[in-house]
Amino acid sequence: MRGLLEALHCNVVDLGVVPDNLDQTLSTLTMAASAADIILTCGGVSVGEEDHVRTAVEQIGQIDLWRVAIKPGKPFASGQVNGVPFLGLPGNPVSAFVVFCLFVRPFILSSQGVQNWKPLTYQIRANFEWPLAKGRTEWLRAQLHNDEEGTFLSLVANQGSASLTSLVQADGLVEIPMGRQVVRGDTVRFMPFSGLLT
């Protein structure tokens, strides 16, 4: 997260790892609101017994959005703490990365005065099959290749949200809209990391 933020010329105030404790979460969020223009957390916004971030934000601010229909990245939250914008990312590394690219980065760019920013997207042939995306839009990590017919995409082996290695191996994200199934040869929407991170 620090690297992604510094690439956007943000001055990062790192308040460290907060124990799974409501009082300490409240204290840290209050401190963050007094020190930063945007509060960004990672983890603690889901429904586990020790996920206290959402509860803490609701006590000293408000949650305007909680959960988005994407995979990975469903437990995303946004709102404000003492008037300071709050963005709560999921704890799994791939989920956090995807949410950062899709929601946090555009929010920060807009806050910096950038207008009409859109990521680069391409329609590219899929050299893979994917079952029906039920209930959520899915974002898959993919690699670019070329053959005699042109450019095509293959998926990295591990699509789990805890596999940071899958991001290192990938060239970008493939969008599988909710309700769509992909068969080999279909054209899919591809967002290269070069357009999401620069």
Protein backbone atom coordinates (compact mmCIF):
# COMPACT_ATOMS: atom_id res chain seq x y z
CA MET A 1 0.00 0.00 0.00
CA ARG A 2 2.81 2.43 0.83
CA GLY A 3 4.36 1.96 -2.62
CA LEU A 4 1.03 2.45 -4.38
CA LEU A 5 0.34 5.62 -2.39
CA GLU A 6 3.81 7.08 -2.84
CA ALA A 7 3.50 6.51 -6.59
CA LEU A 8 0.58 8.97 -6.38
CA HIS A 9 2.84 11.47 -4.54
CA CYS A 10 1.03 10.95 -1.23
CA ASN A 11 2.79 11.66 2.04
CA VAL A 12 2.08 8.49 4.01
CA VAL A 13 1.50 8.66 7.77
CA ASP A 14 1.86 5.03 8.85
CA LEU A 15 0.16 4.35 12.19
CA GLY A 16 1.26 0.73 12.16
CA VAL A 17 -0.61 -2.48 12.83
CA VAL A 18 -3.55 -2.04 15.19
CA PRO A 19 -4.47 -4.99 17.46
CA ASP A 20 -7.93 -6.54 17.03
CA ASN A 21 -9.36 -4.35 19.77
CA LEU A 22 -12.22 -1.88 19.47
CA ASP A 23 -10.78 0.74 21.85
CA GLN A 24 -7.40 0.76 20.13
CA THR A 25 -9.08 0.91 16.73
CA LEU A 26 -11.12 3.91 17.86
CA SER A 27 -8.03 5.62 19.23
CA THR A 28 -6.01 5.03 16.07
CA LEU A 29 -8.78 6.22 13.75
CA THR A 30 -9.19 9.39 15.84
CA MET A 31 -5.44 9.98 15.62
CA ALA A 32 -5.53 9.38 11.87
CA ALA A 33 -8.34 11.91 11.41
CA SER A 34 -6.22 14.57 13.10
CA ALA A 35 -3.11 13.80 11.03
CA ALA A 36 -4.26 12.95 7.51
CA ASP A 37 -6.41 14.16 4.61
CA ILE A 38 -7.59 10.61 3.81
CA ILE A 39 -7.75 7.59 6.12
CA LEU A 40 -6.92 4.27 4.48
CA THR A 41 -7.13 1.00 6.40
CA CYS A 42 -6.47 -2.56 5.34
CA GLY A 43 -8.37 -5.39 7.04
CA GLY A 44 -10.96 -5.39 9.80
CA VAL A 45 -13.96 -4.33 7.68
CA SER A 46 -15.55 -7.75 7.19
CA VAL A 47 -17.89 -9.64 9.55
CA GLY A 48 -15.49 -11.57 11.77
CA GLU A 49 -15.70 -11.30 15.55
CA GLU A 50 -12.41 -9.39 15.61
CA ASP A 51 -13.20 -7.08 12.68
CA HIS A 52 -13.65 -3.77 14.53
CA VAL A 53 -12.90 -1.12 11.91
CA ARG A 54 -16.43 -0.69 10.56
CA THR A 55 -17.91 -0.56 14.08
CA ALA A 56 -15.31 2.01 15.14
CA VAL A 57 -15.94 4.21 12.11
CA GLU A 58 -19.68 4.15 12.78
CA GLN A 59 -19.07 5.32 16.37
CA ILE A 60 -16.98 8.37 15.45
CA GLY A 61 -18.11 9.01 11.90
CA GLN A 62 -20.24 7.23 9.35
CA ILE A 63 -20.16 4.45 6.79
CA ASP A 64 -21.68 5.46 3.46
CA LEU A 65 -20.88 2.25 1.58
CA TRP A 66 -20.09 -1.24 2.77
CA ARG A 67 -19.52 -4.21 0.46
CA VAL A 68 -19.27 -4.09 -3.30
CA ALA A 69 -20.33 -6.77 -5.77
CA ILE A 70 -16.83 -7.71 -6.92
CA LYS A 71 -14.55 -10.68 -6.40
CA PRO A 72 -12.02 -10.33 -4.92
CA GLY A 73 -12.70 -7.26 -2.81
CA LYS A 74 -16.26 -7.54 -1.52
CA PRO A 75 -15.68 -6.17 2.04
CA PHE A 76 -14.79 -2.61 0.99
CA ALA A 77 -16.07 0.28 3.09
CA SER A 78 -16.09 4.04 2.66
CA GLY A 79 -17.34 6.94 4.71
CA GLN A 80 -15.78 9.52 7.03
CA VAL A 81 -14.15 9.81 10.45
CA ASN A 82 -14.54 13.21 12.10
CA GLY A 83 -15.08 14.71 8.65
CA VAL A 84 -12.03 13.04 7.06
CA PRO A 85 -12.70 10.65 4.14
CA PHE A 86 -12.30 7.01 5.15
CA LEU A 87 -11.57 4.09 2.81
CA GLY A 88 -11.44 0.59 4.31
CA LEU A 89 -9.78 -2.07 2.20
CA PRO A 90 -10.14 -5.84 2.65
CA GLY A 91 -7.34 -7.66 4.44
CA ASN A 92 -6.38 -10.20 1.77
CA PRO A 93 -3.55 -8.78 -0.36
CA VAL A 94 -5.10 -9.35 -3.80
CA SER A 95 -8.46 -8.03 -2.61
CA ALA A 96 -6.76 -4.93 -1.21
CA PHE A 97 -4.84 -4.40 -4.44
CA VAL A 98 -7.91 -4.76 -6.67
CA VAL A 99 -9.96 -2.39 -4.50
CA PHE A 100 -7.09 0.09 -4.50
CA CYS A 101 -6.91 0.05 -8.30
CA LEU A 102 -10.66 0.25 -8.88
CA PHE A 103 -11.77 2.66 -6.13
CA VAL A 104 -9.00 4.16 -4.01
CA ARG A 105 -6.69 5.32 -6.79
CA PRO A 106 -9.47 7.13 -8.71
CA PHE A 107 -10.62 8.75 -5.43
CA ILE A 108 -7.11 10.02 -4.65
CA LEU A 109 -6.59 11.26 -8.22
CA SER A 110 -9.90 13.13 -8.04
CA SER A 111 -8.89 14.60 -4.67
CA GLN A 112 -5.67 15.81 -6.32
CA GLY A 113 -7.66 17.60 -9.02
CA VAL A 114 -7.28 15.08 -11.83
CA GLN A 115 -10.39 15.13 -13.99
CA ASN A 116 -11.88 12.50 -16.28
CA TRP A 117 -9.26 9.87 -15.46
CA LYS A 118 -10.02 6.44 -16.87
CA PRO A 119 -7.80 3.37 -16.87
CA LEU A 120 -6.55 1.91 -20.14
CA THR A 121 -8.68 -1.00 -21.29
CA TYR A 122 -8.37 -3.36 -24.23
CA GLN A 123 -10.57 -6.04 -25.73
CA ILE A 124 -8.37 -9.14 -26.03
CA ARG A 125 -8.93 -12.78 -26.94
CA ALA A 126 -9.22 -15.17 -24.00
CA ASN A 127 -7.22 -18.38 -24.13
CA PHE A 128 -9.05 -19.70 -21.08
CA GLU A 129 -12.47 -20.72 -19.87
CA TRP A 130 -14.24 -19.35 -16.82
CA PRO A 131 -17.55 -20.45 -15.29
CA LEU A 132 -20.54 -18.16 -14.94
CA ALA A 133 -19.74 -15.19 -12.66
CA LYS A 134 -22.58 -15.48 -10.18
CA GLY A 135 -23.61 -12.54 -8.02
CA ARG A 136 -20.43 -10.48 -8.47
CA THR A 137 -18.17 -9.12 -11.19
CA GLU A 138 -14.90 -11.05 -11.05
CA TRP A 139 -11.43 -9.61 -11.59
CA LEU A 140 -8.87 -12.21 -12.67
CA ARG A 141 -5.11 -11.91 -12.91
CA ALA A 142 -3.92 -12.57 -16.46
CA GLN A 143 -0.81 -12.67 -18.62
CA LEU A 144 -0.41 -11.33 -22.14
CA HIS A 145 0.91 -13.59 -24.93
CA ASN A 146 1.22 -13.49 -28.71
CA ASP A 147 0.71 -16.16 -31.35
CA GLU A 148 0.13 -16.25 -35.10
CA GLU A 149 -3.40 -14.91 -34.57
CA GLY A 150 -2.29 -11.96 -32.41
CA THR A 151 -2.45 -11.13 -28.71
CA PHE A 152 -4.25 -13.38 -26.24
CA LEU A 153 -4.67 -13.74 -22.49
CA SER A 154 -4.02 -16.65 -20.17
CA LEU A 155 -4.79 -16.76 -16.46
CA VAL A 156 -2.14 -17.10 -13.78
CA ALA A 157 -2.43 -20.42 -11.96
CA ASN A 158 -3.59 -19.23 -8.53
CA GLN A 159 -6.60 -16.92 -8.49
CA GLY A 160 -6.97 -16.97 -4.69
CA SER A 161 -7.28 -13.59 -2.96
CA ALA A 162 -4.42 -14.41 -0.58
CA SER A 163 -1.90 -15.12 -3.36
CA LEU A 164 0.28 -12.04 -3.78
CA THR A 165 2.44 -14.07 -6.18
CA SER A 166 -0.42 -14.02 -8.69
CA LEU A 167 -0.07 -10.24 -8.97
CA VAL A 168 3.66 -10.51 -9.60
CA GLN A 169 3.07 -13.04 -12.37
CA ALA A 170 0.26 -11.07 -14.03
CA ASP A 171 0.28 -8.25 -16.57
CA GLY A 172 -3.14 -6.93 -15.56
CA LEU A 173 -6.74 -7.66 -14.65
CA VAL A 174 -9.50 -9.27 -16.71
CA GLU A 175 -13.07 -8.24 -15.97
CA ILE A 176 -15.70 -10.99 -16.00
CA PRO A 177 -19.03 -9.17 -15.60
CA MET A 178 -21.64 -10.64 -13.31
CA GLY A 179 -23.75 -13.14 -15.23
CA ARG A 180 -21.13 -13.82 -17.92
CA GLN A 181 -19.34 -17.05 -18.74
CA VAL A 182 -16.11 -17.09 -20.77
CA VAL A 183 -15.21 -19.75 -23.31
CA ARG A 184 -11.88 -19.98 -25.11
CA GLY A 185 -11.79 -17.53 -28.00
CA ASP A 186 -14.16 -14.97 -26.45
CA THR A 187 -13.07 -11.36 -26.27
CA VAL A 188 -12.70 -9.99 -22.73
CA ARG A 189 -11.96 -6.59 -21.21
CA PHE A 190 -8.36 -6.32 -20.00
CA MET A 191 -6.88 -3.58 -17.82
CA PRO A 192 -3.04 -3.64 -17.88
CA PHE A 193 -1.18 -2.76 -14.71
CA SER A 194 0.73 -0.16 -16.72
CA GLY A 195 -2.51 1.81 -17.02
CA LEU A 196 -3.69 1.17 -13.47
CA LEU A 197 -0.47 2.10 -11.69
CA THR A 198 1.12 4.93 -13.68
